[in-house]
Each structure stands twice: as structure tokens, then as C-alpha cells.
Amino acid sequence: MSTDEERNEQFVDELQQAVDKAAEENVEAAEGEPESSPSADLEALQAQVQEFQEQVLRSHAEMQNVRRRAENDVEKAHKFAVEKFVKELLPVVDSLEKAVESTEGHESSGDLVASIRQGVELTLDMFLSGLKKFNVERLNPVGEPFDPQYHEAMSMVPAPNAEPNSVVAVMQKGYLLNGRVVRPAMVMVAKPQDAPKIDEQA
């Protein structure tokens, strides 16, 4: 039991004892006065005790809600404290990916291009591993259904071999931090095919 709960219970017990004592004194004082009603006084005091008990319970519930909200705020602050930092790093990741892509098709150019590509790929892998340690997840949704919560549609293109409203190309990968979108993936979406026309017969 927490300290707050112990204090609340102690307060209620002391209040009940005080009311019981006051009720006894009331009864003793009223014994020689037939016009007074000890039972009515006792009922009033018991109602007052009940009201105080309800107030204590409401205060306790409110304190618990405040504590819970504070804990949630602290948890979110810990989870997303690096969000701005991650946003600043994403363009660096994009540049490394573009550098790797630019060497594709140039394997025949010699060992120099191959070694540069290998070095950039290793650097990119280290970068992504570091981001992963902080719960940063990459979104590369090719072939997945378009989801406006995680994807930003740049255009819709005809794609007969793809499902309508699915992602056919990713212009820029998206990223999540602890499940929350840091940057949506910029995508091209398969355009739904037009419904076949029905020939009207005269």
C-alpha cells in the first residue's frame, strides 16, 4: 500500500472516531432534553462522514490519474527525445543510399569504383545499425497497400501488373521512431484501372 493510501485510510479512521465521539457526547447531552432527537443528530453525522469518505476517495482517484498522466508524459519524453536528432540524420542516410545507387552498372569501371561502393555500403550499414539501436525502423513499402498514415503519395501511375492502390515505387524511404512516423515514405501508387465500358444496345 502506498503512503498516500495509508494517509487517506488514517484520515478516514480518525474522522470516524471523532464522529463517534461527537455522537456519544450529543446523546449524553441530550438525555435530559426530551425535545432533542439524538437519532437525527447521529444520522446527520453519519451522512457527513459518508460525504467526507467520498471526497477522500475522489481525491485519491484524482491523484492516481495525475500520477498516471505524469508517468505517461515521462515515458513519451524518453521514447521520442531523439526524434529531432533522427530527422537531422535521415538526409545523411539518403545521401549514402544515393551514392550506392550511383555506382550500380559501373562494376566494369575497375577496382576503384568497387572499393568506393563497398566502403559506402559499410558506412550505410553501420548508420542503419546505429539507428536501429534507438528503435528507428525504415519503411520501404514496395508492393504493400498504400497507407496514408505511413505513406505520402507523390503520384498515381498505370501499373497493370500491380494491385490497384498498392505502392509500385518508393521515391524516398520513410522512418518510424518507436512506432511513430518520423518521416512518411514518398511513394508512387498503382492507379486503379478504369471500369470496362458496357455497350448500350439500341
N, C-alpha and C. Protein backbone atom coordinates (compact mmCIF):
# COMPACT_ATOMS: atom_id res chain seq x y z
N MET A 1 0.85 -1.20 0.00
CA MET A 1 0.00 0.00 0.00
C MET A 1 0.88 1.25 0.00
N SER A 2 0.50 2.23 -0.82
CA SER A 2 1.32 3.43 -0.93
C SER A 2 1.11 4.34 0.27
N THR A 3 2.01 5.31 0.43
CA THR A 3 1.92 6.26 1.56
C THR A 3 0.64 7.08 1.48
N ASP A 4 0.26 7.49 0.26
CA ASP A 4 -0.98 8.28 0.10
C ASP A 4 -2.19 7.49 0.56
N GLU A 5 -2.24 6.20 0.20
CA GLU A 5 -3.39 5.37 0.62
C GLU A 5 -3.43 5.22 2.13
N GLU A 6 -2.24 5.02 2.75
CA GLU A 6 -2.19 4.88 4.22
C GLU A 6 -2.68 6.16 4.89
N ARG A 7 -2.25 7.31 4.35
CA ARG A 7 -2.69 8.59 4.93
C ARG A 7 -4.20 8.75 4.81
N ASN A 8 -4.75 8.39 3.63
CA ASN A 8 -6.19 8.51 3.42
C ASN A 8 -6.97 7.63 4.39
N GLU A 9 -6.50 6.38 4.57
CA GLU A 9 -7.20 5.47 5.49
C GLU A 9 -7.10 5.97 6.93
N GLN A 10 -5.93 6.47 7.29
CA GLN A 10 -5.76 7.01 8.65
C GLN A 10 -6.68 8.21 8.88
N PHE A 11 -6.79 9.07 7.85
CA PHE A 11 -7.67 10.24 7.95
C PHE A 11 -9.12 9.80 8.13
N VAL A 12 -9.55 8.79 7.34
CA VAL A 12 -10.94 8.31 7.46
C VAL A 12 -11.19 7.71 8.83
N ASP A 13 -10.22 6.92 9.35
CA ASP A 13 -10.39 6.31 10.68
C ASP A 13 -10.50 7.38 11.77
N GLU A 14 -9.62 8.38 11.72
CA GLU A 14 -9.66 9.46 12.71
C GLU A 14 -10.97 10.23 12.63
N LEU A 15 -11.43 10.45 11.38
CA LEU A 15 -12.70 11.16 11.19
C LEU A 15 -13.86 10.36 11.77
N GLN A 16 -13.83 9.04 11.54
CA GLN A 16 -14.91 8.18 12.07
C GLN A 16 -14.89 8.19 13.59
N GLN A 17 -13.69 8.13 14.19
CA GLN A 17 -13.60 8.16 15.65
C GLN A 17 -14.13 9.48 16.22
N ALA A 18 -13.78 10.58 15.56
CA ALA A 18 -14.24 11.89 16.01
C ALA A 18 -15.76 11.98 15.92
N VAL A 19 -16.31 11.44 14.83
CA VAL A 19 -17.78 11.48 14.68
C VAL A 19 -18.45 10.62 15.73
N ASP A 20 -17.89 9.44 15.98
CA ASP A 20 -18.48 8.55 17.01
C ASP A 20 -18.45 9.21 18.38
N LYS A 21 -17.32 9.86 18.68
CA LYS A 21 -17.19 10.53 19.97
C LYS A 21 -18.19 11.68 20.09
N ALA A 22 -18.31 12.46 18.99
CA ALA A 22 -19.26 13.58 19.00
C ALA A 22 -20.68 13.07 19.15
N ALA A 23 -20.97 11.93 18.53
CA ALA A 23 -22.31 11.36 18.62
C ALA A 23 -22.62 10.93 20.07
N GLU A 24 -21.63 10.33 20.73
CA GLU A 24 -21.83 9.92 22.11
C GLU A 24 -22.06 11.13 23.02
N GLU A 25 -21.24 12.17 22.81
CA GLU A 25 -21.41 13.38 23.61
C GLU A 25 -22.76 14.02 23.36
N ASN A 26 -23.21 13.97 22.14
CA ASN A 26 -24.51 14.53 21.77
C ASN A 26 -25.63 13.78 22.49
N VAL A 27 -25.47 12.45 22.50
CA VAL A 27 -26.51 11.62 23.14
C VAL A 27 -26.54 11.91 24.64
N GLU A 28 -25.34 12.00 25.27
CA GLU A 28 -25.29 12.26 26.71
C GLU A 28 -25.86 13.64 27.04
N ALA A 29 -25.54 14.64 26.21
CA ALA A 29 -26.02 15.99 26.47
C ALA A 29 -27.52 16.10 26.26
N ALA A 30 -28.03 15.24 25.41
CA ALA A 30 -29.45 15.35 25.06
C ALA A 30 -30.34 14.47 25.92
N GLU A 31 -29.75 13.69 26.87
CA GLU A 31 -30.56 12.78 27.66
C GLU A 31 -31.60 13.51 28.50
N GLY A 32 -31.24 14.68 29.01
CA GLY A 32 -32.18 15.43 29.85
C GLY A 32 -33.06 16.36 29.05
N GLU A 33 -32.98 16.33 27.73
CA GLU A 33 -33.79 17.23 26.90
C GLU A 33 -34.66 16.41 25.96
N PRO A 34 -35.89 16.16 26.34
CA PRO A 34 -36.77 15.29 25.54
C PRO A 34 -37.07 15.87 24.15
N GLU A 35 -36.95 17.20 24.01
CA GLU A 35 -37.33 17.77 22.70
C GLU A 35 -36.26 17.49 21.64
N SER A 36 -34.99 17.19 22.04
CA SER A 36 -33.94 16.95 21.04
C SER A 36 -34.05 15.53 20.51
N SER A 37 -33.45 15.29 19.35
CA SER A 37 -33.53 13.97 18.71
C SER A 37 -32.12 13.46 18.45
N PRO A 38 -31.56 12.64 19.37
CA PRO A 38 -30.20 12.12 19.18
C PRO A 38 -30.06 11.29 17.91
N SER A 39 -31.10 10.53 17.56
CA SER A 39 -31.01 9.68 16.36
C SER A 39 -30.88 10.53 15.11
N ALA A 40 -31.56 11.69 15.08
CA ALA A 40 -31.47 12.58 13.91
C ALA A 40 -30.07 13.18 13.82
N ASP A 41 -29.52 13.56 15.00
CA ASP A 41 -28.16 14.10 15.00
C ASP A 41 -27.16 13.04 14.54
N LEU A 42 -27.36 11.81 15.00
CA LEU A 42 -26.46 10.73 14.61
C LEU A 42 -26.53 10.48 13.11
N GLU A 43 -27.72 10.50 12.55
CA GLU A 43 -27.88 10.29 11.10
C GLU A 43 -27.19 11.41 10.32
N ALA A 44 -27.32 12.64 10.83
CA ALA A 44 -26.67 13.77 10.14
C ALA A 44 -25.15 13.62 10.16
N LEU A 45 -24.63 13.19 11.33
CA LEU A 45 -23.19 12.99 11.43
C LEU A 45 -22.72 11.85 10.53
N GLN A 46 -23.49 10.77 10.46
CA GLN A 46 -23.12 9.65 9.59
C GLN A 46 -23.14 10.06 8.12
N ALA A 47 -24.11 10.90 7.76
CA ALA A 47 -24.16 11.41 6.38
C ALA A 47 -22.94 12.26 6.08
N GLN A 48 -22.54 13.04 7.09
CA GLN A 48 -21.36 13.88 6.91
C GLN A 48 -20.10 13.03 6.75
N VAL A 49 -20.00 11.95 7.54
CA VAL A 49 -18.87 11.03 7.42
C VAL A 49 -18.84 10.43 6.01
N GLN A 50 -20.02 10.01 5.55
CA GLN A 50 -20.08 9.42 4.20
C GLN A 50 -19.60 10.41 3.15
N GLU A 51 -20.02 11.65 3.31
CA GLU A 51 -19.62 12.68 2.34
C GLU A 51 -18.10 12.89 2.37
N PHE A 52 -17.52 12.92 3.60
CA PHE A 52 -16.06 13.06 3.71
C PHE A 52 -15.33 11.87 3.09
N GLN A 53 -15.88 10.68 3.32
CA GLN A 53 -15.26 9.48 2.75
C GLN A 53 -15.27 9.54 1.21
N GLU A 54 -16.39 9.99 0.65
CA GLU A 54 -16.47 10.11 -0.82
C GLU A 54 -15.48 11.14 -1.34
N GLN A 55 -15.32 12.24 -0.59
CA GLN A 55 -14.36 13.26 -1.00
C GLN A 55 -12.93 12.70 -0.99
N VAL A 56 -12.61 11.91 0.05
CA VAL A 56 -11.29 11.31 0.14
C VAL A 56 -11.06 10.35 -1.03
N LEU A 57 -12.06 9.54 -1.35
CA LEU A 57 -11.94 8.60 -2.46
C LEU A 57 -11.76 9.34 -3.79
N ARG A 58 -12.52 10.42 -3.97
CA ARG A 58 -12.39 11.20 -5.21
C ARG A 58 -11.01 11.82 -5.31
N SER A 59 -10.51 12.34 -4.18
CA SER A 59 -9.17 12.94 -4.18
C SER A 59 -8.10 11.90 -4.49
N HIS A 60 -8.28 10.71 -3.93
CA HIS A 60 -7.32 9.63 -4.17
C HIS A 60 -7.33 9.23 -5.65
N ALA A 61 -8.52 9.11 -6.24
CA ALA A 61 -8.63 8.75 -7.66
C ALA A 61 -8.00 9.82 -8.54
N GLU A 62 -8.23 11.07 -8.17
CA GLU A 62 -7.65 12.18 -8.95
C GLU A 62 -6.12 12.17 -8.87
N MET A 63 -5.59 11.89 -7.68
CA MET A 63 -4.13 11.82 -7.52
C MET A 63 -3.54 10.69 -8.35
N GLN A 64 -4.24 9.56 -8.40
CA GLN A 64 -3.76 8.44 -9.21
C GLN A 64 -3.77 8.80 -10.69
N ASN A 65 -4.83 9.51 -11.14
CA ASN A 65 -4.89 9.92 -12.55
C ASN A 65 -3.76 10.88 -12.89
N VAL A 66 -3.49 11.83 -11.99
CA VAL A 66 -2.40 12.78 -12.22
C VAL A 66 -1.06 12.06 -12.29
N ARG A 67 -0.85 11.09 -11.38
CA ARG A 67 0.40 10.34 -11.38
C ARG A 67 0.54 9.53 -12.66
N ARG A 68 -0.58 8.91 -13.11
CA ARG A 68 -0.54 8.10 -14.33
C ARG A 68 -0.22 8.96 -15.55
N ARG A 69 -0.84 10.16 -15.61
CA ARG A 69 -0.56 11.06 -16.74
C ARG A 69 0.90 11.50 -16.73
N ALA A 70 1.42 11.79 -15.55
CA ALA A 70 2.82 12.21 -15.44
C ALA A 70 3.76 11.09 -15.88
N GLU A 71 3.44 9.85 -15.48
CA GLU A 71 4.28 8.71 -15.89
C GLU A 71 4.25 8.54 -17.40
N ASN A 72 3.05 8.71 -18.02
CA ASN A 72 2.94 8.59 -19.48
C ASN A 72 3.74 9.68 -20.17
N ASP A 73 3.69 10.90 -19.63
CA ASP A 73 4.44 12.01 -20.24
C ASP A 73 5.94 11.75 -20.17
N VAL A 74 6.40 11.22 -19.03
CA VAL A 74 7.83 10.93 -18.89
C VAL A 74 8.24 9.82 -19.84
N GLU A 75 7.38 8.81 -19.97
CA GLU A 75 7.69 7.69 -20.88
C GLU A 75 7.79 8.17 -22.33
N LYS A 76 6.84 9.04 -22.74
CA LYS A 76 6.89 9.59 -24.11
C LYS A 76 8.13 10.45 -24.31
N ALA A 77 8.48 11.22 -23.30
CA ALA A 77 9.66 12.08 -23.41
C ALA A 77 10.92 11.24 -23.61
N HIS A 78 11.01 10.09 -22.90
CA HIS A 78 12.16 9.20 -23.07
C HIS A 78 12.16 8.57 -24.46
N LYS A 79 10.96 8.16 -24.91
CA LYS A 79 10.85 7.45 -26.19
C LYS A 79 11.21 8.34 -27.37
N PHE A 80 10.75 9.59 -27.33
CA PHE A 80 10.86 10.45 -28.51
C PHE A 80 11.82 11.62 -28.32
N ALA A 81 12.71 11.51 -27.32
CA ALA A 81 13.66 12.59 -27.07
C ALA A 81 14.62 12.79 -28.23
N VAL A 82 14.91 11.71 -28.98
CA VAL A 82 15.89 11.79 -30.07
C VAL A 82 15.22 12.03 -31.43
N GLU A 83 13.93 12.36 -31.44
CA GLU A 83 13.21 12.49 -32.72
C GLU A 83 13.83 13.56 -33.62
N LYS A 84 14.13 14.73 -33.07
CA LYS A 84 14.72 15.80 -33.89
C LYS A 84 16.09 15.40 -34.40
N PHE A 85 16.85 14.72 -33.54
CA PHE A 85 18.18 14.27 -33.93
C PHE A 85 18.09 13.27 -35.09
N VAL A 86 17.12 12.35 -35.00
CA VAL A 86 16.93 11.36 -36.07
C VAL A 86 16.56 12.05 -37.38
N LYS A 87 15.68 13.05 -37.30
CA LYS A 87 15.29 13.78 -38.52
C LYS A 87 16.49 14.43 -39.19
N GLU A 88 17.44 14.92 -38.39
CA GLU A 88 18.63 15.55 -38.96
C GLU A 88 19.55 14.52 -39.62
N LEU A 89 19.52 13.28 -39.15
CA LEU A 89 20.39 12.24 -39.69
C LEU A 89 19.85 11.61 -40.97
N LEU A 90 18.54 11.66 -41.17
CA LEU A 90 17.93 10.96 -42.32
C LEU A 90 18.47 11.44 -43.66
N PRO A 91 18.68 12.74 -43.89
CA PRO A 91 19.27 13.16 -45.17
C PRO A 91 20.66 12.57 -45.41
N VAL A 92 21.42 12.31 -44.33
CA VAL A 92 22.74 11.67 -44.49
C VAL A 92 22.55 10.24 -44.99
N VAL A 93 21.57 9.53 -44.41
CA VAL A 93 21.28 8.17 -44.87
C VAL A 93 20.86 8.19 -46.34
N ASP A 94 19.99 9.15 -46.71
CA ASP A 94 19.56 9.27 -48.11
C ASP A 94 20.75 9.47 -49.03
N SER A 95 21.70 10.31 -48.65
CA SER A 95 22.87 10.59 -49.48
C SER A 95 23.73 9.34 -49.66
N LEU A 96 23.91 8.58 -48.59
CA LEU A 96 24.69 7.34 -48.69
C LEU A 96 24.01 6.34 -49.61
N GLU A 97 22.68 6.24 -49.50
CA GLU A 97 21.94 5.33 -50.39
C GLU A 97 22.09 5.76 -51.86
N LYS A 98 22.00 7.06 -52.11
CA LYS A 98 22.15 7.56 -53.48
C LYS A 98 23.57 7.29 -54.00
N ALA A 99 24.55 7.41 -53.12
CA ALA A 99 25.93 7.13 -53.54
C ALA A 99 26.08 5.67 -53.96
N VAL A 100 25.45 4.75 -53.20
CA VAL A 100 25.49 3.33 -53.56
C VAL A 100 24.78 3.11 -54.90
N GLU A 101 23.59 3.74 -55.04
CA GLU A 101 22.83 3.57 -56.29
C GLU A 101 23.60 4.11 -57.50
N SER A 102 24.36 5.17 -57.31
CA SER A 102 25.07 5.79 -58.44
C SER A 102 26.19 4.90 -58.97
N THR A 103 26.65 3.95 -58.15
CA THR A 103 27.72 3.05 -58.62
C THR A 103 27.17 1.82 -59.32
N GLU A 104 25.87 1.63 -59.29
CA GLU A 104 25.28 0.47 -59.96
C GLU A 104 25.48 0.59 -61.47
N GLY A 105 25.86 -0.51 -62.08
CA GLY A 105 26.10 -0.51 -63.52
C GLY A 105 27.49 -0.08 -63.90
N HIS A 106 28.34 0.27 -62.89
CA HIS A 106 29.71 0.70 -63.19
C HIS A 106 30.74 -0.29 -62.65
N GLU A 107 30.31 -1.54 -62.46
CA GLU A 107 31.23 -2.54 -61.91
C GLU A 107 32.44 -2.75 -62.81
N SER A 108 32.25 -2.54 -64.12
CA SER A 108 33.34 -2.78 -65.07
C SER A 108 34.35 -1.64 -65.10
N SER A 109 34.08 -0.57 -64.32
CA SER A 109 34.98 0.59 -64.35
C SER A 109 36.28 0.35 -63.61
N GLY A 110 36.36 -0.73 -62.84
CA GLY A 110 37.62 -1.04 -62.17
C GLY A 110 37.48 -1.19 -60.68
N ASP A 111 38.60 -1.49 -60.06
CA ASP A 111 38.62 -1.76 -58.62
C ASP A 111 38.32 -0.52 -57.79
N LEU A 112 38.62 0.65 -58.30
CA LEU A 112 38.41 1.87 -57.53
C LEU A 112 36.93 2.08 -57.23
N VAL A 113 36.07 1.94 -58.25
CA VAL A 113 34.63 2.10 -58.06
C VAL A 113 34.10 1.03 -57.11
N ALA A 114 34.60 -0.20 -57.28
CA ALA A 114 34.14 -1.30 -56.42
C ALA A 114 34.50 -1.04 -54.97
N SER A 115 35.72 -0.54 -54.73
CA SER A 115 36.13 -0.30 -53.35
C SER A 115 35.37 0.88 -52.73
N ILE A 116 35.09 1.90 -53.55
CA ILE A 116 34.30 3.04 -53.05
C ILE A 116 32.89 2.57 -52.69
N ARG A 117 32.30 1.78 -53.57
CA ARG A 117 30.96 1.26 -53.31
C ARG A 117 30.93 0.43 -52.02
N GLN A 118 31.93 -0.42 -51.87
CA GLN A 118 31.99 -1.26 -50.67
C GLN A 118 32.10 -0.41 -49.40
N GLY A 119 32.94 0.62 -49.47
CA GLY A 119 33.10 1.50 -48.30
C GLY A 119 31.82 2.24 -47.96
N VAL A 120 31.13 2.73 -48.99
CA VAL A 120 29.87 3.45 -48.74
C VAL A 120 28.82 2.50 -48.19
N GLU A 121 28.75 1.28 -48.72
CA GLU A 121 27.78 0.29 -48.22
C GLU A 121 28.04 -0.05 -46.76
N LEU A 122 29.31 -0.21 -46.40
CA LEU A 122 29.65 -0.49 -44.99
C LEU A 122 29.25 0.67 -44.09
N THR A 123 29.52 1.89 -44.55
CA THR A 123 29.14 3.08 -43.76
C THR A 123 27.63 3.16 -43.60
N LEU A 124 26.89 2.88 -44.68
CA LEU A 124 25.43 2.91 -44.63
C LEU A 124 24.90 1.86 -43.66
N ASP A 125 25.48 0.64 -43.72
CA ASP A 125 25.04 -0.43 -42.81
C ASP A 125 25.30 -0.05 -41.35
N MET A 126 26.45 0.55 -41.08
CA MET A 126 26.75 0.99 -39.71
C MET A 126 25.77 2.06 -39.25
N PHE A 127 25.45 2.96 -40.16
CA PHE A 127 24.50 4.03 -39.83
C PHE A 127 23.14 3.45 -39.48
N LEU A 128 22.65 2.53 -40.33
CA LEU A 128 21.33 1.93 -40.10
C LEU A 128 21.32 1.09 -38.83
N SER A 129 22.42 0.40 -38.54
CA SER A 129 22.50 -0.39 -37.30
C SER A 129 22.43 0.51 -36.07
N GLY A 130 23.12 1.66 -36.17
CA GLY A 130 23.07 2.62 -35.06
C GLY A 130 21.67 3.16 -34.85
N LEU A 131 20.97 3.46 -35.93
CA LEU A 131 19.60 3.96 -35.81
C LEU A 131 18.68 2.88 -35.21
N LYS A 132 18.92 1.63 -35.61
CA LYS A 132 18.08 0.54 -35.13
C LYS A 132 18.19 0.38 -33.61
N LYS A 133 19.36 0.66 -33.06
CA LYS A 133 19.55 0.55 -31.61
C LYS A 133 18.66 1.53 -30.85
N PHE A 134 18.25 2.61 -31.54
CA PHE A 134 17.36 3.60 -30.92
C PHE A 134 15.93 3.43 -31.41
N ASN A 135 15.61 2.19 -31.88
CA ASN A 135 14.24 1.84 -32.30
C ASN A 135 13.77 2.66 -33.50
N VAL A 136 14.71 2.97 -34.41
CA VAL A 136 14.34 3.63 -35.67
C VAL A 136 14.17 2.54 -36.72
N GLU A 137 13.00 2.53 -37.35
CA GLU A 137 12.66 1.48 -38.32
C GLU A 137 12.46 2.11 -39.70
N ARG A 138 12.99 1.46 -40.73
CA ARG A 138 12.90 2.00 -42.09
C ARG A 138 11.65 1.49 -42.78
N LEU A 139 10.98 2.36 -43.52
CA LEU A 139 9.80 2.00 -44.32
C LEU A 139 10.19 1.96 -45.79
N ASN A 140 10.08 0.77 -46.38
CA ASN A 140 10.34 0.61 -47.81
C ASN A 140 9.18 -0.22 -48.37
N PRO A 141 8.01 0.41 -48.57
CA PRO A 141 6.76 -0.35 -48.74
C PRO A 141 6.41 -0.78 -50.17
N VAL A 142 7.40 -1.12 -50.99
CA VAL A 142 7.09 -1.55 -52.36
C VAL A 142 6.23 -2.82 -52.32
N GLY A 143 5.13 -2.78 -53.07
CA GLY A 143 4.23 -3.93 -53.13
C GLY A 143 3.17 -3.95 -52.04
N GLU A 144 3.30 -3.07 -51.05
CA GLU A 144 2.30 -3.03 -49.97
C GLU A 144 1.14 -2.11 -50.34
N PRO A 145 -0.03 -2.32 -49.74
CA PRO A 145 -1.14 -1.39 -49.98
C PRO A 145 -0.79 0.00 -49.48
N PHE A 146 -1.26 1.01 -50.19
CA PHE A 146 -1.00 2.39 -49.79
C PHE A 146 -1.69 2.68 -48.46
N ASP A 147 -0.95 3.25 -47.52
CA ASP A 147 -1.48 3.60 -46.20
C ASP A 147 -1.14 5.06 -45.92
N PRO A 148 -2.14 5.96 -45.96
CA PRO A 148 -1.84 7.39 -45.76
C PRO A 148 -1.23 7.72 -44.41
N GLN A 149 -1.35 6.80 -43.46
CA GLN A 149 -0.75 7.04 -42.14
C GLN A 149 0.78 6.96 -42.20
N TYR A 150 1.29 6.13 -43.13
CA TYR A 150 2.73 5.92 -43.21
C TYR A 150 3.33 6.35 -44.56
N HIS A 151 2.49 6.56 -45.56
CA HIS A 151 2.99 6.85 -46.91
C HIS A 151 2.45 8.19 -47.39
N GLU A 152 3.24 8.85 -48.22
CA GLU A 152 2.81 10.09 -48.87
C GLU A 152 2.86 9.86 -50.38
N ALA A 153 1.69 9.90 -51.02
CA ALA A 153 1.61 9.61 -52.46
C ALA A 153 2.10 10.81 -53.26
N MET A 154 3.11 10.57 -54.10
CA MET A 154 3.62 11.61 -54.98
C MET A 154 2.81 11.67 -56.27
N SER A 155 2.41 10.49 -56.77
CA SER A 155 1.59 10.43 -57.98
C SER A 155 0.98 9.04 -58.10
N MET A 156 -0.01 8.92 -58.98
CA MET A 156 -0.61 7.62 -59.29
C MET A 156 -0.26 7.29 -60.73
N VAL A 157 0.21 6.08 -60.95
CA VAL A 157 0.68 5.68 -62.28
C VAL A 157 -0.02 4.40 -62.71
N PRO A 158 -0.23 4.23 -64.02
CA PRO A 158 -0.79 2.96 -64.50
C PRO A 158 0.19 1.83 -64.23
N ALA A 159 -0.29 0.75 -63.66
CA ALA A 159 0.56 -0.41 -63.36
C ALA A 159 -0.30 -1.66 -63.49
N PRO A 160 -0.42 -2.18 -64.72
CA PRO A 160 -1.31 -3.33 -64.97
C PRO A 160 -0.95 -4.56 -64.15
N ASN A 161 0.33 -4.73 -63.82
CA ASN A 161 0.76 -5.94 -63.10
C ASN A 161 0.69 -5.79 -61.57
N ALA A 162 0.29 -4.63 -61.10
CA ALA A 162 0.23 -4.40 -59.65
C ALA A 162 -1.21 -4.27 -59.19
N GLU A 163 -1.41 -4.55 -57.91
CA GLU A 163 -2.74 -4.37 -57.31
C GLU A 163 -3.10 -2.89 -57.29
N PRO A 164 -4.34 -2.53 -57.61
CA PRO A 164 -4.74 -1.12 -57.53
C PRO A 164 -4.51 -0.57 -56.13
N ASN A 165 -4.03 0.68 -56.07
CA ASN A 165 -3.76 1.37 -54.79
C ASN A 165 -2.63 0.73 -53.98
N SER A 166 -1.77 -0.01 -54.67
CA SER A 166 -0.58 -0.53 -53.99
C SER A 166 0.63 0.32 -54.38
N VAL A 167 1.68 0.25 -53.57
CA VAL A 167 2.89 1.04 -53.81
C VAL A 167 3.74 0.33 -54.87
N VAL A 168 4.02 1.03 -55.98
CA VAL A 168 4.82 0.43 -57.05
C VAL A 168 6.26 0.95 -57.03
N ALA A 169 6.51 2.09 -56.42
CA ALA A 169 7.88 2.63 -56.34
C ALA A 169 7.99 3.54 -55.13
N VAL A 170 9.20 3.57 -54.54
CA VAL A 170 9.47 4.43 -53.39
C VAL A 170 10.48 5.48 -53.81
N MET A 171 10.06 6.73 -53.77
CA MET A 171 10.95 7.83 -54.14
C MET A 171 11.90 8.18 -52.99
N GLN A 172 11.38 8.08 -51.76
CA GLN A 172 12.19 8.35 -50.57
C GLN A 172 11.65 7.48 -49.44
N LYS A 173 12.53 6.71 -48.81
CA LYS A 173 12.10 5.79 -47.75
C LYS A 173 11.62 6.58 -46.54
N GLY A 174 10.67 5.98 -45.83
CA GLY A 174 10.15 6.58 -44.61
C GLY A 174 10.80 5.95 -43.39
N TYR A 175 10.57 6.58 -42.23
CA TYR A 175 11.17 6.07 -40.99
C TYR A 175 10.19 6.23 -39.83
N LEU A 176 10.24 5.24 -38.92
CA LEU A 176 9.46 5.27 -37.68
C LEU A 176 10.41 5.33 -36.49
N LEU A 177 9.98 6.01 -35.44
CA LEU A 177 10.71 6.01 -34.17
C LEU A 177 9.76 5.49 -33.10
N ASN A 178 10.06 4.29 -32.57
CA ASN A 178 9.18 3.65 -31.59
C ASN A 178 7.75 3.57 -32.09
N GLY A 179 7.61 3.27 -33.39
CA GLY A 179 6.28 3.08 -33.97
C GLY A 179 5.61 4.36 -34.45
N ARG A 180 6.20 5.52 -34.16
CA ARG A 180 5.61 6.79 -34.59
C ARG A 180 6.36 7.30 -35.82
N VAL A 181 5.60 7.86 -36.77
CA VAL A 181 6.18 8.30 -38.03
C VAL A 181 7.08 9.52 -37.79
N VAL A 182 8.36 9.37 -38.19
CA VAL A 182 9.28 10.49 -38.18
C VAL A 182 9.25 11.17 -39.56
N ARG A 183 9.19 10.31 -40.59
CA ARG A 183 9.08 10.81 -41.96
C ARG A 183 8.32 9.77 -42.77
N PRO A 184 7.21 10.17 -43.43
CA PRO A 184 6.48 9.19 -44.24
C PRO A 184 7.26 8.83 -45.50
N ALA A 185 7.02 7.63 -46.01
CA ALA A 185 7.66 7.22 -47.25
C ALA A 185 6.97 7.92 -48.42
N MET A 186 7.77 8.51 -49.31
CA MET A 186 7.22 9.15 -50.51
C MET A 186 7.13 8.10 -51.60
N VAL A 187 5.92 7.85 -52.08
CA VAL A 187 5.70 6.69 -52.94
C VAL A 187 4.90 7.05 -54.19
N MET A 188 4.97 6.12 -55.16
CA MET A 188 4.11 6.17 -56.34
C MET A 188 3.14 5.01 -56.22
N VAL A 189 1.87 5.28 -56.51
CA VAL A 189 0.80 4.32 -56.24
C VAL A 189 0.20 3.85 -57.55
N ALA A 190 -0.15 2.56 -57.60
CA ALA A 190 -0.78 1.99 -58.80
C ALA A 190 -2.18 2.57 -58.97
N LYS A 191 -2.43 3.09 -60.16
CA LYS A 191 -3.72 3.70 -60.46
C LYS A 191 -4.75 2.60 -60.74
N PRO A 192 -5.93 2.68 -60.12
CA PRO A 192 -6.96 1.67 -60.42
C PRO A 192 -7.35 1.74 -61.89
N GLN A 193 -7.51 0.57 -62.49
CA GLN A 193 -7.91 0.53 -63.90
C GLN A 193 -9.35 0.98 -64.03
N ASP A 194 -9.63 1.67 -65.15
CA ASP A 194 -11.00 2.13 -65.40
C ASP A 194 -11.91 0.95 -65.59
N ALA A 195 -13.11 1.09 -65.11
CA ALA A 195 -14.10 0.02 -65.28
C ALA A 195 -14.42 -0.17 -66.76
N PRO A 196 -14.59 -1.40 -67.22
CA PRO A 196 -14.89 -1.62 -68.64
C PRO A 196 -16.21 -0.99 -69.02
N LYS A 197 -16.23 -0.42 -70.22
CA LYS A 197 -17.46 0.22 -70.70
C LYS A 197 -18.45 -0.83 -71.19
N ILE A 198 -19.72 -0.60 -70.89
CA ILE A 198 -20.76 -1.52 -71.32
C ILE A 198 -21.42 -0.92 -72.55
N ASP A 199 -21.42 -1.72 -73.64
CA ASP A 199 -22.04 -1.22 -74.88
C ASP A 199 -23.54 -1.18 -74.71
N GLU A 200 -24.09 -0.05 -75.01
CA GLU A 200 -25.54 0.09 -74.93
C GLU A 200 -26.15 -0.36 -76.24
N GLN A 201 -27.13 -1.20 -76.12
CA GLN A 201 -27.81 -1.70 -77.32
C GLN A 201 -29.07 -0.89 -77.54
N ALA A 202 -29.24 -0.46 -78.79
CA ALA A 202 -30.41 0.36 -79.11
C ALA A 202 -31.63 -0.53 -79.18
